[in-house]
Amino acid sequence: MKINYLTILCASAVLAGCASNNSNQNAQNVDSTASAATETKSESQVLDDGIDWEKPLYSLDEKGDTSDVYQYNAAGKLVKHSNYYEKHLMSGSKYYYDAAGNDTSCVSFFVDESQELPCGGFSKKFDSQNRVIAYEMDGESDSESATYRYEGNKKITESESSLSECIYKEVIETYFDADGNDTLVINKSQLVREASDTDPDYSVKPDIFTTRNTYVTINGKRVLKSSVTNKETKDGKKFVFSEEDNEYDQYGRLTKNICVSDQGNGDPATTDTYTYSYDGNCKTDSYGYKTYYAKK
């Protein structure tokens, strides 16, 4: 499996700010395990703190120096994300959209002698329903291509990627509930060529990752409560690869993320805990990073 798979599983702990991947697929009803206490709040009781928590403006590191800056177009779409280190612009990404607001491409850059030099990015294609159907990514040393097709409440992704001279092939089935939430994800991942190999071998058995996500309604919106991923290796070994649990405040803002991971190699499972606090339009994480968001 890819090195960055676990990072994706814990993505709810990462700052929101990238464009949506358009989860408006046709879906069927799936039973929710949300407790009655979280479902009692009616739409008329929804709390509004006046902050757009989907629209970060800038971040400060633990020293108080700027680490990230976000810029938007007139439609409120993210067009540039800049990364700073020790008060210097180091890298970033620029985003581009079609007339329907779909994020069709991104160009990443690094800065050398005050010049922004491109270093890869991605491009997407969408169908008439604004669903992504193709994806291409090129980085300095990594690349990925993927196609997507849709069958009712299911999205099927087929991709091949090159990561540090290794080649991975994946087939992912994602199932959505009536609200467009991915409640079940089955990922069959093949390592078809390692760095030491000459040619890829597509006959190798895949590792299978099965993820079940549970959502609850807090303050009128659906949020991810828990996620459990089981792994079955090509050798037949089965174990819990990762478990994630999230806590929220009365506004539906994430306050704690706990992610337990087990690589299945005999080492003890590791637990990472991230906490978040809020003051006005400022969100502070466990490391002291502060992110300021736009006011409505």
C-alpha atoms as a PDB file:
ATOM      1  CA  MET A   1       0.000   0.000   0.000  1.00  0.00           C
ATOM      2  CA  LYS A   2       1.103   3.559  -0.549  1.00  0.00           C
ATOM      3  CA  ILE A   3       3.060   5.276   2.139  1.00  0.00           C
ATOM      4  CA  ASN A   4       0.533   8.105   2.301  1.00  0.00           C
ATOM      5  CA  TYR A   5      -2.554   5.889   2.767  1.00  0.00           C
ATOM      6  CA  LEU A   6      -2.703   6.289   6.553  1.00  0.00           C
ATOM      7  CA  THR A   7      -2.325  10.035   6.194  1.00  0.00           C
ATOM      8  CA  ILE A   8      -5.423  10.070   4.014  1.00  0.00           C
ATOM      9  CA  LEU A   9      -7.335   8.036   6.562  1.00  0.00           C
ATOM     10  CA  CYS A  10      -6.597  10.675   9.201  1.00  0.00           C
ATOM     11  CA  ALA A  11      -7.298  13.584   6.910  1.00  0.00           C
ATOM     12  CA  SER A  12     -10.013  14.934   9.158  1.00  0.00           C
ATOM     13  CA  ALA A  13      -7.208  16.158  11.403  1.00  0.00           C
ATOM     14  CA  VAL A  14      -5.689  18.217   8.626  1.00  0.00           C
ATOM     15  CA  LEU A  15      -6.600  21.843   7.852  1.00  0.00           C
ATOM     16  CA  ALA A  16      -9.478  22.113   5.383  1.00  0.00           C
ATOM     17  CA  GLY A  17      -8.831  24.363   2.409  1.00  0.00           C
ATOM     18  CA  CYS A  18      -8.482  22.375  -0.802  1.00  0.00           C
ATOM     19  CA  ALA A  19     -11.311  22.257  -3.311  1.00  0.00           C
ATOM     20  CA  SER A  20     -14.075  19.667  -2.978  1.00  0.00           C
ATOM     21  CA  ASN A  21     -13.919  16.403  -4.926  1.00  0.00           C
ATOM     22  CA  ASN A  22     -17.643  16.682  -5.767  1.00  0.00           C
ATOM     23  CA  SER A  23     -19.334  13.991  -3.684  1.00  0.00           C
ATOM     24  CA  ASN A  24     -22.769  14.531  -5.278  1.00  0.00           C
ATOM     25  CA  GLN A  25     -23.079  10.929  -6.466  1.00  0.00           C
ATOM     26  CA  ASN A  26     -26.468   9.219  -6.502  1.00  0.00           C
ATOM     27  CA  ALA A  27     -26.762   7.379  -3.213  1.00  0.00           C
ATOM     28  CA  GLN A  28     -28.999   4.993  -1.283  1.00  0.00           C
ATOM     29  CA  ASN A  29     -30.065   5.221   2.336  1.00  0.00           C
ATOM     30  CA  VAL A  30     -27.645   3.738   4.862  1.00  0.00           C
ATOM     31  CA  ASP A  31     -28.532   3.326   8.547  1.00  0.00           C
ATOM     32  CA  SER A  32     -26.819   5.864  10.812  1.00  0.00           C
ATOM     33  CA  THR A  33     -25.394   4.868  14.184  1.00  0.00           C
ATOM     34  CA  ALA A  34     -25.576   8.409  15.524  1.00  0.00           C
ATOM     35  CA  SER A  35     -26.907   8.623  19.056  1.00  0.00           C
ATOM     36  CA  ALA A  36     -30.289  10.191  19.738  1.00  0.00           C
ATOM     37  CA  ALA A  37     -28.617  13.012  21.629  1.00  0.00           C
ATOM     38  CA  THR A  38     -26.862  14.287  18.514  1.00  0.00           C
ATOM     39  CA  GLU A  39     -29.974  13.987  16.350  1.00  0.00           C
ATOM     40  CA  THR A  40     -32.386  16.009  18.515  1.00  0.00           C
ATOM     41  CA  LYS A  41     -31.340  19.460  17.326  1.00  0.00           C
ATOM     42  CA  SER A  42     -33.771  20.762  14.671  1.00  0.00           C
ATOM     43  CA  GLU A  43     -32.766  23.010  11.797  1.00  0.00           C
ATOM     44  CA  SER A  44     -34.306  25.997  13.622  1.00  0.00           C
ATOM     45  CA  GLN A  45     -31.912  25.401  16.514  1.00  0.00           C
ATOM     46  CA  VAL A  46     -28.730  25.412  14.442  1.00  0.00           C
ATOM     47  CA  LEU A  47     -26.066  27.583  16.032  1.00  0.00           C
ATOM     48  CA  ASP A  48     -24.112  30.064  13.906  1.00  0.00           C
ATOM     49  CA  ASP A  49     -20.865  31.539  15.192  1.00  0.00           C
ATOM     50  CA  GLY A  50     -20.510  33.775  12.141  1.00  0.00           C
ATOM     51  CA  ILE A  51     -17.326  32.079  10.872  1.00  0.00           C
ATOM     52  CA  ASP A  52     -16.809  30.187   7.614  1.00  0.00           C
ATOM     53  CA  TRP A  53     -14.730  27.241   8.860  1.00  0.00           C
ATOM     54  CA  GLU A  54     -14.313  25.980   5.305  1.00  0.00           C
ATOM     55  CA  LYS A  55     -12.392  29.114   4.296  1.00  0.00           C
ATOM     56  CA  PRO A  56      -8.986  29.557   5.994  1.00  0.00           C
ATOM     57  CA  LEU A  57      -7.206  32.865   5.420  1.00  0.00           C
ATOM     58  CA  TYR A  58      -3.752  32.360   6.967  1.00  0.00           C
ATOM     59  CA  SER A  59      -1.887  30.312   9.574  1.00  0.00           C
ATOM     60  CA  LEU A  60       0.774  31.160  12.140  1.00  0.00           C
ATOM     61  CA  ASP A  61       3.304  28.668  13.478  1.00  0.00           C
ATOM     62  CA  GLU A  62       4.205  28.179  17.150  1.00  0.00           C
ATOM     63  CA  LYS A  63       6.588  31.152  16.905  1.00  0.00           C
ATOM     64  CA  GLY A  64       3.858  33.425  15.580  1.00  0.00           C
ATOM     65  CA  ASP A  65       5.362  33.527  12.069  1.00  0.00           C
ATOM     66  CA  THR A  66       3.183  33.121   8.992  1.00  0.00           C
ATOM     67  CA  SER A  67       3.209  29.530   7.713  1.00  0.00           C
ATOM     68  CA  ASP A  68       0.328  29.502   5.222  1.00  0.00           C
ATOM     69  CA  VAL A  69      -1.656  32.064   3.243  1.00  0.00           C
ATOM     70  CA  TYR A  70      -4.846  31.311   1.277  1.00  0.00           C
ATOM     71  CA  GLN A  71      -6.239  33.469  -1.551  1.00  0.00           C
ATOM     72  CA  TYR A  72      -9.696  33.224  -3.171  1.00  0.00           C
ATOM     73  CA  ASN A  73     -11.428  34.457  -6.305  1.00  0.00           C
ATOM     74  CA  ALA A  74     -14.659  36.429  -6.457  1.00  0.00           C
ATOM     75  CA  ALA A  75     -16.661  33.188  -6.315  1.00  0.00           C
ATOM     76  CA  GLY A  76     -14.957  32.208  -3.059  1.00  0.00           C
ATOM     77  CA  LYS A  77     -12.859  29.453  -4.655  1.00  0.00           C
ATOM     78  CA  LEU A  78      -9.309  28.848  -3.440  1.00  0.00           C
ATOM     79  CA  VAL A  79      -6.902  30.056  -6.142  1.00  0.00           C
ATOM     80  CA  LYS A  80      -3.571  30.086  -4.309  1.00  0.00           C
ATOM     81  CA  HIS A  81      -2.115  28.427  -1.207  1.00  0.00           C
ATOM     82  CA  SER A  82       1.333  29.701  -0.209  1.00  0.00           C
ATOM     83  CA  ASN A  83       3.702  28.010   2.262  1.00  0.00           C
ATOM     84  CA  TYR A  84       6.196  30.027   4.324  1.00  0.00           C
ATOM     85  CA  TYR A  85       9.161  29.054   6.478  1.00  0.00           C
ATOM     86  CA  GLU A  86      10.958  31.493   8.739  1.00  0.00           C
ATOM     87  CA  LYS A  87       9.088  34.375   7.073  1.00  0.00           C
ATOM     88  CA  HIS A  88      10.139  33.344   3.561  1.00  0.00           C
ATOM     89  CA  LEU A  89       7.830  32.075   0.817  1.00  0.00           C
ATOM     90  CA  MET A  90       9.015  28.541   0.039  1.00  0.00           C
ATOM     91  CA  SER A  91       6.355  26.822  -2.066  1.00  0.00           C
ATOM     92  CA  GLY A  92       2.678  26.709  -2.891  1.00  0.00           C
ATOM     93  CA  SER A  93      -0.096  25.711  -5.261  1.00  0.00           C
ATOM     94  CA  LYS A  94      -2.377  27.547  -7.688  1.00  0.00           C
ATOM     95  CA  TYR A  95      -5.859  26.231  -8.498  1.00  0.00           C
ATOM     96  CA  TYR A  96      -7.958  26.669 -11.636  1.00  0.00           C
ATOM     97  CA  TYR A  97     -11.688  26.108 -12.240  1.00  0.00           C
ATOM     98  CA  ASP A  98     -14.152  25.702 -15.075  1.00  0.00           C
ATOM     99  CA  ALA A  99     -17.398  27.647 -15.504  1.00  0.00           C
ATOM    100  CA  ALA A 100     -19.211  25.173 -13.226  1.00  0.00           C
ATOM    101  CA  GLY A 101     -16.718  25.750 -10.405  1.00  0.00           C
ATOM    102  CA  ASN A 102     -14.955  22.389 -10.752  1.00  0.00           C
ATOM    103  CA  ASP A 103     -11.261  22.352  -9.784  1.00  0.00           C
ATOM    104  CA  THR A 104      -9.886  21.291 -13.155  1.00  0.00           C
ATOM    105  CA  SER A 105      -6.187  21.781 -12.450  1.00  0.00           C
ATOM    106  CA  CYS A 106      -3.527  22.729  -9.941  1.00  0.00           C
ATOM    107  CA  VAL A 107       0.047  23.869 -10.483  1.00  0.00           C
ATOM    108  CA  SER A 108       2.509  23.465  -7.616  1.00  0.00           C
ATOM    109  CA  PHE A 109       5.598  25.634  -7.347  1.00  0.00           C
ATOM    110  CA  PHE A 110       8.721  26.200  -5.298  1.00  0.00           C
ATOM    111  CA  VAL A 111      10.532  29.498  -4.862  1.00  0.00           C
ATOM    112  CA  ASP A 112      14.115  30.047  -5.933  1.00  0.00           C
ATOM    113  CA  GLU A 113      15.617  33.534  -5.760  1.00  0.00           C
ATOM    114  CA  SER A 114      12.135  35.069  -5.480  1.00  0.00           C
ATOM    115  CA  GLN A 115      10.909  33.239  -8.579  1.00  0.00           C
ATOM    116  CA  GLU A 116       7.975  30.824  -8.489  1.00  0.00           C
ATOM    117  CA  LEU A 117       9.074  27.759 -10.456  1.00  0.00           C
ATOM    118  CA  PRO A 118       6.529  25.050 -11.353  1.00  0.00           C
ATOM    119  CA  CYS A 119       7.164  21.575  -9.936  1.00  0.00           C
ATOM    120  CA  GLY A 120       4.150  19.501 -10.893  1.00  0.00           C
ATOM    121  CA  GLY A 121       0.449  19.512 -10.181  1.00  0.00           C
ATOM    122  CA  PHE A 122      -2.769  17.777 -11.173  1.00  0.00           C
ATOM    123  CA  SER A 123      -5.526  17.971 -13.760  1.00  0.00           C
ATOM    124  CA  LYS A 124      -9.086  16.621 -13.680  1.00  0.00           C
ATOM    125  CA  LYS A 125     -11.887  15.963 -16.134  1.00  0.00           C
ATOM    126  CA  PHE A 126     -15.566  16.070 -15.197  1.00  0.00           C
ATOM    127  CA  ASP A 127     -18.758  14.701 -16.738  1.00  0.00           C
ATOM    128  CA  SER A 128     -22.018  16.588 -17.370  1.00  0.00           C
ATOM    129  CA  GLN A 129     -23.046  15.962 -13.740  1.00  0.00           C
ATOM    130  CA  ASN A 130     -19.838  17.622 -12.482  1.00  0.00           C
ATOM    131  CA  ARG A 131     -18.431  14.298 -11.300  1.00  0.00           C
ATOM    132  CA  VAL A 132     -14.717  13.746 -11.709  1.00  0.00           C
ATOM    133  CA  ILE A 133     -13.999  11.037 -14.312  1.00  0.00           C
ATOM    134  CA  ALA A 134     -10.217  11.350 -14.801  1.00  0.00           C
ATOM    135  CA  TYR A 135      -7.255  12.547 -12.764  1.00  0.00           C
ATOM    136  CA  GLU A 136      -3.588  13.044 -13.620  1.00  0.00           C
ATOM    137  CA  MET A 137      -0.865  14.061 -11.165  1.00  0.00           C
ATOM    138  CA  ASP A 138       2.794  14.754 -11.811  1.00  0.00           C
ATOM    139  CA  GLY A 139       5.266  15.659  -9.097  1.00  0.00           C
ATOM    140  CA  GLU A 140       9.014  15.979  -8.890  1.00  0.00           C
ATOM    141  CA  SER A 141       9.424  12.224  -8.355  1.00  0.00           C
ATOM    142  CA  ASP A 142       5.854  10.873  -8.090  1.00  0.00           C
ATOM    143  CA  SER A 143       3.024  10.502 -10.584  1.00  0.00           C
ATOM    144  CA  GLU A 144      -0.501   9.119 -10.644  1.00  0.00           C
ATOM    145  CA  SER A 145      -3.290   8.609 -13.148  1.00  0.00           C
ATOM    146  CA  ALA A 146      -6.837   7.559 -12.313  1.00  0.00           C
ATOM    147  CA  THR A 147     -10.215   7.044 -13.936  1.00  0.00           C
ATOM    148  CA  TYR A 148     -13.610   7.089 -12.212  1.00  0.00           C
ATOM    149  CA  ARG A 149     -16.968   5.599 -13.077  1.00  0.00           C
ATOM    150  CA  TYR A 150     -20.263   5.599 -11.201  1.00  0.00           C
ATOM    151  CA  GLU A 151     -22.856   2.902 -10.595  1.00  0.00           C
ATOM    152  CA  GLY A 152     -25.757   4.113  -8.482  1.00  0.00           C
ATOM    153  CA  ASN A 153     -24.359   4.930  -5.036  1.00  0.00           C
ATOM    154  CA  LYS A 154     -20.939   3.464  -5.895  1.00  0.00           C
ATOM    155  CA  LYS A 155     -17.847   5.157  -7.319  1.00  0.00           C
ATOM    156  CA  ILE A 156     -15.176   2.923  -8.847  1.00  0.00           C
ATOM    157  CA  THR A 157     -11.649   4.301  -9.058  1.00  0.00           C
ATOM    158  CA  GLU A 158      -8.855   2.644 -10.992  1.00  0.00           C
ATOM    159  CA  SER A 159      -5.428   4.184 -10.610  1.00  0.00           C
ATOM    160  CA  GLU A 160      -1.747   3.561 -11.136  1.00  0.00           C
ATOM    161  CA  SER A 161       0.926   5.564  -9.374  1.00  0.00           C
ATOM    162  CA  SER A 162       4.681   5.757  -9.175  1.00  0.00           C
ATOM    163  CA  LEU A 163       6.061   6.510  -5.727  1.00  0.00           C
ATOM    164  CA  SER A 164       9.812   6.523  -5.080  1.00  0.00           C
ATOM    165  CA  GLU A 165      10.362   4.256  -8.097  1.00  0.00           C
ATOM    166  CA  CYS A 166       7.714   1.784  -6.895  1.00  0.00           C
ATOM    167  CA  ILE A 167       4.545   1.280  -8.939  1.00  0.00           C
ATOM    168  CA  TYR A 168       1.163   0.706  -7.300  1.00  0.00           C
ATOM    169  CA  LYS A 169      -2.091  -0.259  -8.975  1.00  0.00           C
ATOM    170  CA  GLU A 170      -5.345   0.277  -7.080  1.00  0.00           C
ATOM    171  CA  VAL A 171      -9.018  -0.442  -7.592  1.00  0.00           C
ATOM    172  CA  ILE A 172     -11.198   1.384  -5.082  1.00  0.00           C
ATOM    173  CA  GLU A 173     -14.944   0.958  -4.584  1.00  0.00           C
ATOM    174  CA  THR A 174     -16.537   3.793  -2.608  1.00  0.00           C
ATOM    175  CA  TYR A 175     -20.134   3.533  -1.399  1.00  0.00           C
ATOM    176  CA  PHE A 176     -22.118   6.663  -0.480  1.00  0.00           C
ATOM    177  CA  ASP A 177     -25.172   7.173   1.700  1.00  0.00           C
ATOM    178  CA  ALA A 178     -28.106   9.452   0.860  1.00  0.00           C
ATOM    179  CA  ASP A 179     -26.157  12.498   2.072  1.00  0.00           C
ATOM    180  CA  GLY A 180     -23.170  11.743  -0.161  1.00  0.00           C
ATOM    181  CA  ASN A 181     -20.983  10.489   2.692  1.00  0.00           C
ATOM    182  CA  ASP A 182     -18.519   7.673   1.953  1.00  0.00           C
ATOM    183  CA  THR A 183     -19.665   5.023   4.401  1.00  0.00           C
ATOM    184  CA  LEU A 184     -17.741   2.083   2.913  1.00  0.00           C
ATOM    185  CA  VAL A 185     -14.453   2.079   0.973  1.00  0.00           C
ATOM    186  CA  ILE A 186     -12.817  -1.086  -0.377  1.00  0.00           C
ATOM    187  CA  ASN A 187      -9.296  -0.582  -1.702  1.00  0.00           C
ATOM    188  CA  LYS A 188      -7.434  -3.369  -3.519  1.00  0.00           C
ATOM    189  CA  SER A 189      -3.821  -2.252  -3.744  1.00  0.00           C
ATOM    190  CA  GLN A 190      -1.085  -4.053  -5.692  1.00  0.00           C
ATOM    191  CA  LEU A 191       2.620  -3.311  -5.434  1.00  0.00           C
ATOM    192  CA  VAL A 192       3.386  -4.321  -9.019  1.00  0.00           C
ATOM    193  CA  ARG A 193       6.973  -3.079  -9.174  1.00  0.00           C
ATOM    194  CA  GLU A 194       9.490  -2.270  -6.469  1.00  0.00           C
ATOM    195  CA  ALA A 195      12.487  -0.020  -7.025  1.00  0.00           C
ATOM    196  CA  SER A 196      14.743  -3.064  -7.474  1.00  0.00           C
ATOM    197  CA  ASP A 197      12.494  -4.687 -10.109  1.00  0.00           C
ATOM    198  CA  THR A 198      12.918  -4.317 -13.846  1.00  0.00           C
ATOM    199  CA  ASP A 199       9.334  -4.835 -15.026  1.00  0.00           C
ATOM    200  CA  PRO A 200       5.944  -4.561 -13.315  1.00  0.00           C
ATOM    201  CA  ASP A 201       4.067  -7.753 -12.397  1.00  0.00           C
ATOM    202  CA  TYR A 202       0.295  -7.201 -12.534  1.00  0.00           C
ATOM    203  CA  SER A 203      -0.466 -10.771 -11.428  1.00  0.00           C
ATOM    204  CA  VAL A 204       0.533 -10.188  -7.782  1.00  0.00           C
ATOM    205  CA  LYS A 205      -2.242 -10.547  -5.232  1.00  0.00           C
ATOM    206  CA  PRO A 206      -3.430  -7.241  -3.749  1.00  0.00           C
ATOM    207  CA  ASP A 207      -3.567  -6.050  -0.171  1.00  0.00           C
ATOM    208  CA  ILE A 208      -7.200  -5.237   0.649  1.00  0.00           C
ATOM    209  CA  PHE A 209      -8.139  -2.295   2.852  1.00  0.00           C
ATOM    210  CA  THR A 210     -11.783  -2.131   3.970  1.00  0.00           C
ATOM    211  CA  THR A 211     -12.823   1.124   5.634  1.00  0.00           C
ATOM    212  CA  ARG A 212     -16.168   1.737   7.332  1.00  0.00           C
ATOM    213  CA  ASN A 213     -17.019   5.338   8.217  1.00  0.00           C
ATOM    214  CA  THR A 214     -19.706   6.439  10.656  1.00  0.00           C
ATOM    215  CA  TYR A 215     -21.262   9.901  10.499  1.00  0.00           C
ATOM    216  CA  VAL A 216     -23.377  11.833  12.989  1.00  0.00           C
ATOM    217  CA  THR A 217     -25.377  15.042  12.757  1.00  0.00           C
ATOM    218  CA  ILE A 218     -24.164  17.887  14.988  1.00  0.00           C
ATOM    219  CA  ASN A 219     -25.584  21.383  14.718  1.00  0.00           C
ATOM    220  CA  GLY A 220     -27.383  20.510  11.491  1.00  0.00           C
ATOM    221  CA  LYS A 221     -24.463  19.031   9.560  1.00  0.00           C
ATOM    222  CA  ARG A 222     -23.082  15.568   9.013  1.00  0.00           C
ATOM    223  CA  VAL A 223     -19.591  15.003  10.400  1.00  0.00           C
ATOM    224  CA  LEU A 224     -17.300  11.983  10.525  1.00  0.00           C
ATOM    225  CA  LYS A 225     -17.531  10.321  13.936  1.00  0.00           C
ATOM    226  CA  SER A 226     -15.408   7.222  13.476  1.00  0.00           C
ATOM    227  CA  SER A 227     -13.494   5.275  10.870  1.00  0.00           C
ATOM    228  CA  VAL A 228     -12.128   1.730  11.063  1.00  0.00           C
ATOM    229  CA  THR A 229      -9.876   0.196   8.418  1.00  0.00           C
ATOM    230  CA  ASN A 230      -9.146  -3.513   8.300  1.00  0.00           C
ATOM    231  CA  LYS A 231      -6.294  -4.848   6.201  1.00  0.00           C
ATOM    232  CA  GLU A 232      -5.963  -8.254   4.566  1.00  0.00           C
ATOM    233  CA  THR A 233      -2.504  -8.788   3.138  1.00  0.00           C
ATOM    234  CA  LYS A 234      -1.746 -10.733  -0.024  1.00  0.00           C
ATOM    235  CA  ASP A 235      -0.423 -13.456   2.295  1.00  0.00           C
ATOM    236  CA  GLY A 236      -3.817 -13.781   4.002  1.00  0.00           C
ATOM    237  CA  LYS A 237      -2.975 -11.960   7.241  1.00  0.00           C
ATOM    238  CA  LYS A 238      -5.881  -9.913   8.657  1.00  0.00           C
ATOM    239  CA  PHE A 239      -5.715  -7.139  11.257  1.00  0.00           C
ATOM    240  CA  VAL A 240      -7.096  -3.702  12.165  1.00  0.00           C
ATOM    241  CA  PHE A 241      -4.886  -1.298  10.246  1.00  0.00           C
ATOM    242  CA  SER A 242      -6.239   1.940  11.704  1.00  0.00           C
ATOM    243  CA  GLU A 243      -9.003   3.313  13.890  1.00  0.00           C
ATOM    244  CA  GLU A 244     -10.024   6.952  14.005  1.00  0.00           C
ATOM    245  CA  ASP A 245     -12.392   8.727  16.376  1.00  0.00           C
ATOM    246  CA  ASN A 246     -13.430  12.371  16.301  1.00  0.00           C
ATOM    247  CA  GLU A 247     -15.014  14.665  18.881  1.00  0.00           C
ATOM    248  CA  TYR A 248     -16.850  17.933  18.169  1.00  0.00           C
ATOM    249  CA  ASP A 249     -18.215  20.927  20.049  1.00  0.00           C
ATOM    250  CA  GLN A 250     -21.795  22.212  19.946  1.00  0.00           C
ATOM    251  CA  TYR A 251     -21.099  24.056  16.684  1.00  0.00           C
ATOM    252  CA  GLY A 252     -19.934  20.881  14.966  1.00  0.00           C
ATOM    253  CA  ARG A 253     -16.292  21.994  15.026  1.00  0.00           C
ATOM    254  CA  LEU A 254     -13.638  19.304  15.399  1.00  0.00           C
ATOM    255  CA  THR A 255     -12.083  19.382  18.888  1.00  0.00           C
ATOM    256  CA  LYS A 256     -10.188  16.077  19.056  1.00  0.00           C
ATOM    257  CA  ASN A 257      -8.950  13.478  16.575  1.00  0.00           C
ATOM    258  CA  ILE A 258      -7.529  10.160  17.777  1.00  0.00           C
ATOM    259  CA  CYS A 259      -5.893   7.839  15.246  1.00  0.00           C
ATOM    260  CA  VAL A 260      -4.576   4.392  16.220  1.00  0.00           C
ATOM    261  CA  SER A 261      -2.462   2.606  13.603  1.00  0.00           C
ATOM    262  CA  ASP A 262      -0.914  -0.854  13.358  1.00  0.00           C
ATOM    263  CA  GLN A 263       1.454  -1.745  10.531  1.00  0.00           C
ATOM    264  CA  GLY A 264       1.023  -5.458  11.266  1.00  0.00           C
ATOM    265  CA  ASN A 265       4.768  -5.999  11.611  1.00  0.00           C
ATOM    266  CA  GLY A 266       4.720  -7.032  15.272  1.00  0.00           C
ATOM    267  CA  ASP A 267       5.465  -3.568  16.624  1.00  0.00           C
ATOM    268  CA  PRO A 268       2.975  -2.072  19.113  1.00  0.00           C
ATOM    269  CA  ALA A 269       0.155   0.009  17.649  1.00  0.00           C
ATOM    270  CA  THR A 270       0.751   3.756  17.753  1.00  0.00           C
ATOM    271  CA  THR A 271      -1.740   6.376  18.880  1.00  0.00           C
ATOM    272  CA  ASP A 272      -1.735   9.967  17.637  1.00  0.00           C
ATOM    273  CA  THR A 273      -4.001  12.495  19.321  1.00  0.00           C
ATOM    274  CA  TYR A 274      -4.694  15.955  17.921  1.00  0.00           C
ATOM    275  CA  THR A 275      -6.724  18.603  19.730  1.00  0.00           C
ATOM    276  CA  TYR A 276      -8.223  21.852  18.475  1.00  0.00           C
ATOM    277  CA  SER A 277      -9.551  24.899  20.286  1.00  0.00           C
ATOM    278  CA  TYR A 278     -11.403  27.947  18.971  1.00  0.00           C
ATOM    279  CA  ASP A 279     -11.377  31.634  19.830  1.00  0.00           C
ATOM    280  CA  GLY A 280     -13.327  33.918  17.528  1.00  0.00           C
ATOM    281  CA  ASN A 281     -12.215  33.075  13.992  1.00  0.00           C
ATOM    282  CA  CYS A 282      -9.009  31.394  15.192  1.00  0.00           C
ATOM    283  CA  LYS A 283      -8.449  27.626  15.361  1.00  0.00           C
ATOM    284  CA  THR A 284      -5.434  26.427  17.390  1.00  0.00           C
ATOM    285  CA  ASP A 285      -4.056  22.896  17.067  1.00  0.00           C
ATOM    286  CA  SER A 286      -2.002  20.699  19.401  1.00  0.00           C
ATOM    287  CA  TYR A 287       1.276  22.116  18.111  1.00  0.00           C
ATOM    288  CA  GLY A 288       0.339  25.735  18.714  1.00  0.00           C
ATOM    289  CA  TYR A 289      -0.376  26.517  15.068  1.00  0.00           C
ATOM    290  CA  LYS A 290      -3.136  29.089  14.704  1.00  0.00           C
ATOM    291  CA  THR A 291      -5.336  29.301  11.623  1.00  0.00           C
ATOM    292  CA  TYR A 292      -7.615  32.271  11.024  1.00  0.00           C
ATOM    293  CA  TYR A 293     -10.790  31.835   9.008  1.00  0.00           C
ATOM    294  CA  ALA A 294     -13.047  34.185   7.062  1.00  0.00           C
ATOM    295  CA  LYS A 295     -16.060  35.730   8.689  1.00  0.00           C
ATOM    296  CA  LYS A 296     -19.403  35.297   6.960  1.00  0.00           C
END
